[in-house]
Protein backbone atom coordinates (compact mmCIF):
# COMPACT_ATOMS: atom_id res chain seq x y z
CA MET A 1 -176.35 -5.86 -162.21
CA VAL A 2 -174.24 -2.78 -163.03
CA GLN A 3 -172.41 -1.92 -159.42
CA LYS A 4 -169.80 0.71 -160.44
CA CYS A 5 -170.07 4.24 -161.73
CA LEU A 6 -167.09 6.56 -163.07
CA PHE A 7 -167.17 10.17 -163.10
CA PRO A 8 -164.40 11.86 -165.14
CA ALA A 9 -164.29 15.18 -163.91
CA ALA A 10 -160.61 16.72 -164.63
CA GLY A 11 -161.72 19.11 -166.92
CA TYR A 12 -161.00 22.89 -166.82
CA GLY A 13 -164.51 24.07 -167.53
CA THR A 14 -163.44 26.85 -169.44
CA ARG A 15 -166.80 27.85 -170.60
CA PHE A 16 -167.50 29.39 -167.04
CA LEU A 17 -164.25 31.01 -165.87
CA PRO A 18 -163.68 33.05 -164.29
CA ALA A 19 -165.72 31.10 -161.59
CA THR A 20 -164.03 27.85 -162.54
CA LYS A 21 -160.87 29.37 -161.92
CA ALA A 22 -159.90 27.83 -158.68
CA GLN A 23 -163.39 26.12 -158.34
CA ALA A 24 -164.69 22.38 -159.88
CA LYS A 25 -167.16 22.70 -162.51
CA GLU A 26 -168.78 20.06 -161.30
CA MET A 27 -169.29 21.80 -157.65
CA LEU A 28 -171.18 24.62 -159.36
CA PRO A 29 -174.47 24.64 -157.60
CA ILE A 30 -177.93 23.74 -159.21
CA VAL A 31 -180.16 26.02 -156.44
CA ASN A 32 -178.08 24.63 -153.27
CA LYS A 33 -176.97 21.09 -154.67
CA PRO A 34 -173.39 20.86 -156.74
CA LEU A 35 -173.98 19.00 -159.87
CA ILE A 36 -171.81 16.35 -159.17
CA GLN A 37 -174.35 15.39 -156.20
CA TYR A 38 -177.13 15.06 -158.73
CA GLY A 39 -174.78 12.59 -161.07
CA VAL A 40 -174.06 10.66 -157.65
CA GLU A 41 -177.61 10.20 -156.74
CA GLU A 42 -178.83 9.25 -160.11
CA ALA A 43 -175.86 6.56 -159.99
CA LEU A 44 -177.16 5.15 -156.66
CA GLU A 45 -180.70 5.33 -157.75
CA ALA A 46 -179.57 3.04 -160.28
CA GLY A 47 -177.80 0.56 -158.01
CA MET A 48 -174.31 1.61 -158.72
CA LYS A 49 -172.65 1.73 -155.05
CA TYR A 50 -169.15 2.04 -155.93
CA VAL A 51 -168.46 5.73 -157.09
CA GLY A 52 -164.82 6.23 -158.93
CA PHE A 53 -163.92 10.09 -159.73
CA VAL A 54 -161.11 10.86 -162.48
CA THR A 55 -160.10 14.29 -160.92
CA GLY A 56 -157.14 16.68 -161.04
CA ARG A 57 -154.99 19.18 -158.98
CA THR A 58 -157.65 21.70 -158.76
CA LYS A 59 -160.54 19.33 -157.62
CA ARG A 60 -159.88 18.46 -154.21
CA ALA A 61 -163.34 20.09 -153.41
CA ILE A 62 -165.14 17.00 -154.50
CA ALA A 63 -163.50 14.38 -152.43
CA ASP A 64 -164.21 17.32 -149.49
CA HIS A 65 -167.95 17.21 -150.45
CA PHE A 66 -168.44 13.51 -149.96
CA ASP A 67 -166.65 13.43 -146.40
CA ILE A 68 -167.81 14.49 -142.82
CA SER A 69 -167.02 17.84 -142.20
CA TYR A 70 -166.66 17.66 -138.47
CA GLU A 71 -166.54 21.60 -137.99
CA LEU A 72 -169.44 22.56 -139.63
CA GLU A 73 -171.53 19.39 -138.57
CA ARG A 74 -170.46 20.44 -134.90
CA GLU A 75 -171.60 24.03 -135.36
CA ILE A 76 -175.26 23.15 -136.93
CA SER A 77 -175.58 19.78 -135.14
CA GLY A 78 -179.36 20.03 -133.19
CA THR A 79 -180.30 23.13 -135.02
CA SER A 80 -182.87 23.79 -137.70
CA LYS A 81 -180.10 24.15 -140.19
CA GLU A 82 -179.08 20.38 -139.67
CA LYS A 83 -181.52 18.97 -142.33
CA TYR A 84 -179.71 21.17 -145.30
CA LEU A 85 -177.24 17.90 -144.71
CA GLU A 86 -179.71 15.50 -145.24
CA SER A 87 -179.53 14.44 -148.89
CA VAL A 88 -175.81 14.76 -148.98
CA ARG A 89 -175.36 12.33 -145.79
CA TYR A 90 -177.35 9.89 -147.60
CA VAL A 91 -175.06 9.84 -150.47
CA MET A 92 -172.28 9.22 -148.15
CA ASN A 93 -173.79 6.50 -146.17
CA ASN A 94 -174.86 4.68 -149.63
CA GLY A 95 -171.97 5.25 -151.51
CA ILE A 96 -168.48 3.97 -151.52
CA PHE A 97 -166.00 6.60 -153.14
CA SER A 98 -162.38 6.07 -154.54
CA PHE A 99 -160.59 8.67 -156.59
CA THR A 100 -157.74 9.01 -159.10
CA ARG A 101 -156.05 12.01 -161.00
CA GLN A 102 -156.05 12.11 -164.97
CA PRO A 103 -152.36 13.94 -165.05
CA GLU A 104 -152.83 15.63 -168.35
CA MET A 105 -155.72 16.67 -170.42
CA LYS A 106 -156.11 14.04 -173.01
CA GLY A 107 -159.90 13.54 -173.85
CA LEU A 108 -162.38 11.50 -172.56
CA GLY A 109 -161.10 8.53 -173.43
CA HIS A 110 -157.88 8.80 -171.73
CA ALA A 111 -160.31 10.01 -168.69
CA ILE A 112 -162.29 6.89 -168.88
CA LEU A 113 -158.43 4.79 -168.99
CA CYS A 114 -157.47 6.53 -166.06
CA GLY A 115 -160.15 5.09 -164.15
CA GLU A 116 -159.30 1.41 -165.01
CA THR A 117 -158.38 0.38 -161.43
CA LEU A 118 -161.40 1.68 -160.02
CA MET A 119 -163.70 0.20 -162.20
CA GLY A 120 -161.95 -3.30 -162.50
CA ASN A 121 -162.89 -6.13 -165.03
CA GLU A 122 -166.63 -5.83 -165.00
CA ALA A 123 -169.42 -3.54 -166.67
CA PHE A 124 -169.76 0.24 -165.02
CA GLY A 125 -171.54 3.35 -165.75
CA VAL A 126 -170.05 6.52 -166.85
CA ILE A 127 -171.59 10.16 -165.85
CA LEU A 128 -170.53 13.28 -167.25
CA ALA A 129 -171.72 15.61 -164.49
CA ASP A 130 -171.72 18.79 -166.47
CA ASP A 131 -174.97 17.06 -168.18
CA LEU A 132 -178.03 17.13 -165.87
CA CYS A 133 -180.16 14.84 -166.25
CA LEU A 134 -183.59 14.85 -164.39
CA PRO A 135 -186.64 11.99 -164.57
CA GLU A 136 -189.58 13.42 -166.41
CA GLU A 137 -191.27 13.14 -163.32
CA VAL A 138 -189.96 14.05 -159.53
CA GLY A 139 -189.67 11.03 -158.30
CA GLY A 140 -189.68 9.03 -161.79
CA GLU A 141 -186.73 6.53 -162.96
CA GLY A 142 -183.52 8.17 -163.67
CA VAL A 143 -181.34 7.70 -167.19
CA MET A 144 -178.89 5.65 -165.50
CA ALA A 145 -181.29 3.12 -164.10
CA GLN A 146 -183.13 3.11 -167.45
CA MET A 147 -179.93 2.21 -169.16
CA ALA A 148 -178.80 -0.42 -166.75
CA LYS A 149 -181.81 -2.18 -167.63
CA ILE A 150 -180.93 -2.38 -170.94
CA HIS A 151 -177.41 -3.53 -170.53
CA GLU A 152 -179.07 -6.15 -168.56
CA GLU A 153 -181.10 -7.32 -171.20
CA THR A 154 -178.76 -7.28 -173.88
CA GLY A 155 -174.94 -7.74 -172.50
CA CYS A 156 -173.86 -4.43 -174.26
CA SER A 157 -172.42 -1.04 -173.80
CA VAL A 158 -175.09 1.20 -173.68
CA VAL A 159 -175.08 4.95 -174.94
CA ALA A 160 -177.78 7.54 -174.23
CA LEU A 161 -179.22 9.41 -177.19
CA MET A 162 -181.31 12.55 -177.97
CA GLU A 163 -182.46 14.08 -181.21
CA VAL A 164 -180.69 17.79 -181.76
CA PRO A 165 -181.10 20.08 -184.02
CA LYS A 166 -178.79 20.14 -186.78
CA GLU A 167 -177.18 23.74 -186.22
CA THR A 168 -175.81 21.93 -183.11
CA ILE A 169 -174.68 18.90 -184.51
CA SER A 170 -170.99 19.30 -184.46
CA LYS A 171 -171.22 19.90 -180.74
CA TYR A 172 -171.96 15.85 -179.96
CA GLY A 173 -170.86 12.80 -180.96
CA VAL A 174 -173.50 11.27 -184.09
CA ILE A 175 -174.51 7.73 -184.05
CA ALA A 176 -176.16 5.58 -186.88
CA GLY A 177 -177.83 2.77 -186.22
CA ASP A 178 -180.35 0.03 -186.91
CA LYS A 179 -183.74 0.56 -185.24
CA ILE A 180 -184.77 -2.22 -183.09
CA ALA A 181 -187.49 -0.61 -180.87
CA ASP A 182 -188.74 2.99 -180.36
CA ASP A 183 -186.35 4.09 -178.60
CA LYS A 184 -183.49 1.87 -179.14
CA PHE A 185 -180.90 1.45 -182.22
CA ARG A 186 -178.14 -1.11 -182.62
CA VAL A 187 -175.15 1.31 -183.13
CA THR A 188 -173.61 0.76 -186.52
CA ASP A 189 -171.25 4.24 -186.69
CA MET A 190 -170.44 7.15 -184.52
CA VAL A 191 -169.13 10.19 -185.52
CA GLU A 192 -167.35 12.64 -182.92
CA LYS A 193 -168.53 16.64 -183.54
CA PRO A 194 -169.09 16.23 -187.41
CA ALA A 195 -169.75 18.94 -189.49
CA VAL A 196 -173.82 19.26 -190.18
CA GLU A 197 -173.02 17.82 -193.87
CA ASP A 198 -171.27 14.95 -192.34
CA ALA A 199 -173.48 14.05 -189.57
CA PRO A 200 -174.97 10.25 -189.69
CA SER A 201 -178.30 11.29 -188.34
CA ASN A 202 -180.02 13.73 -185.91
CA LEU A 203 -179.07 11.55 -182.53
CA ALA A 204 -176.46 12.67 -180.36
CA ILE A 205 -174.70 10.87 -177.88
CA ILE A 206 -175.13 12.74 -174.45
CA GLY A 207 -173.06 12.24 -170.97
CA ARG A 208 -174.68 8.81 -169.96
CA TYR A 209 -172.94 5.67 -170.89
CA ILE A 210 -172.51 1.99 -169.78
CA LEU A 211 -169.52 0.34 -171.01
CA THR A 212 -168.54 -3.26 -170.91
CA PRO A 213 -164.91 -3.73 -169.67
CA ASP A 214 -162.87 -4.67 -172.86
CA ILE A 215 -163.54 -0.68 -173.68
CA PHE A 216 -159.98 -0.12 -171.54
CA GLU A 217 -158.09 -2.13 -174.08
CA ILE A 218 -160.03 -0.70 -176.97
CA ILE A 219 -159.23 2.72 -175.94
CA ARG A 220 -155.18 1.49 -175.01
CA ASN A 221 -155.06 0.89 -179.02
CA THR A 222 -157.10 4.01 -179.92
CA PRO A 223 -154.93 7.19 -181.57
CA PRO A 224 -155.52 10.27 -180.96
CA GLY A 225 -158.44 11.77 -183.20
CA LYS A 226 -160.37 14.94 -182.89
CA ASN A 227 -158.56 17.59 -181.47
CA GLY A 228 -155.75 15.44 -181.12
CA GLU A 229 -157.46 13.72 -178.20
CA ILE A 230 -158.16 10.41 -177.31
CA GLN A 231 -161.62 10.09 -178.09
CA LEU A 232 -164.10 7.73 -176.58
CA THR A 233 -166.42 7.87 -179.35
CA ASP A 234 -163.51 6.28 -181.99
CA ALA A 235 -163.22 3.69 -179.06
CA LEU A 236 -167.03 2.93 -178.70
CA LEU A 237 -167.09 2.52 -182.58
CA ALA A 238 -164.83 -0.59 -182.29
CA GLN A 239 -167.57 -2.30 -180.06
CA ALA A 240 -170.40 -1.05 -182.71
CA LYS A 241 -168.82 -2.70 -185.52
CA GLN A 242 -169.46 -5.98 -183.59
CA GLY A 243 -173.13 -5.18 -182.71
CA LYS A 244 -172.10 -4.39 -179.19
CA VAL A 245 -173.47 -0.85 -178.97
CA ILE A 246 -176.85 -0.10 -178.07
CA GLY A 247 -178.19 3.45 -178.40
CA TYR A 248 -180.91 4.44 -176.20
CA LYS A 249 -183.47 7.43 -176.52
CA PHE A 250 -183.73 8.00 -172.47
CA LYS A 251 -187.17 9.11 -170.82
CA GLY A 252 -186.37 12.21 -168.86
CA LYS A 253 -184.83 15.78 -169.35
CA ARG A 254 -181.62 17.10 -169.71
CA PHE A 255 -179.25 20.54 -169.32
CA ASP A 256 -175.79 21.28 -170.60
CA CYS A 257 -174.80 22.75 -167.60
CA GLY A 258 -171.60 23.12 -168.95
CA SER A 259 -172.92 26.02 -171.02
CA VAL A 260 -174.24 29.35 -168.89
CA LYS A 261 -177.41 29.26 -171.06
CA GLY A 262 -177.98 25.40 -169.96
CA PHE A 263 -176.91 25.91 -166.31
CA VAL A 264 -179.48 29.11 -166.10
CA GLU A 265 -182.53 27.32 -167.41
CA ALA A 266 -181.04 23.99 -165.14
CA THR A 267 -181.34 26.11 -162.21
CA ASN A 268 -184.48 27.57 -162.94
CA TYR A 269 -186.50 24.27 -163.69
CA VAL A 270 -185.03 23.02 -160.36
CA PHE A 271 -186.15 25.53 -158.33
CA GLU A 272 -190.06 25.37 -160.04
CA ASN A 273 -189.97 21.74 -160.51
CA VAL A 274 -187.92 19.81 -157.61
CA TYR A 275 -186.51 22.47 -155.35
CA SER A 276 -187.75 22.50 -151.38
CA ASP A 277 -186.35 24.31 -148.66
CA GLU A 278 -189.02 21.91 -146.35
C-alpha cells in the first residue's frame, strides 16, 4: 500500500502575480479552503498519511497552515466559529507532515529529487496542488485513491491522463501508449510540451503521479531538458521504455488553478456543488 505523498510546492506562481508576490500560490483559497489542503485531503483519502512538502523561502505559510494556531484557537474556542476549523483539524490529526526546501528552481524533476529524504525507498504519490482534482460526485473516490489501486495491481509508476484539445497540447507532457483497458495505457513514449504537430496523442499528463523509488536514481542521471530544467517527463520516459509506466484516464473533474480562468471556474464549481457553511 502506498503510504506517502509528496507535494512539490516551491514554484513562484507567476501567473498569479501580484497576488503571489508574498503569498504561496498553494495557499490561494478555493472558497474557504486553500488549494494545498484539498490536495492533502485527497492524499489522506488514498491512505497516504505521510505527507512531504518541497517548499521554498516564501512558503512558510504552508507549514503554519498544518500546525496549531494557539492564539486563534483560544479566541474562537467554544464559539460558533470553531466549526470552521474542523476540516483542517481532521487533516492535522490524520496526517504526518515533513518539509524540505528546493534551493533553486530547476524543474519538477529536481523538486521531486529534493524530496527523496522524505519519501525514502518506497513508492509514493505526487500531487501538484494547483491541479485541483475532485471526484465526479461529492463524496466519491478521489483521483489519487483510484491511482493507488492501479499501482497495487501492477507495481508500476502511474500517471494521470486526460484528453485535451489540440490547441492546448503544448502546455502538457503528452504520452503515446498501448491501450490495455478503456481507461489504461502502457506508456511507450512521453514528450514534454510538444508542438501540436509533434504531439504523439491528445492524452496529457496532469498533476497526479505514483512513482516507484527507482525514479530518484533516474532523475539524478537525467540531463536538463525543455527550458534547461530537469523534467520529470524525461525521467518517466526511461521507466516507460522498460514497460513500467501506466497511464490512467481518471474519473473526476480537474481544474487548472495555476491559471486565473481555471481558478475562477474551480471557485464557482466548489461554491455551487461542494461548499457548505453548516
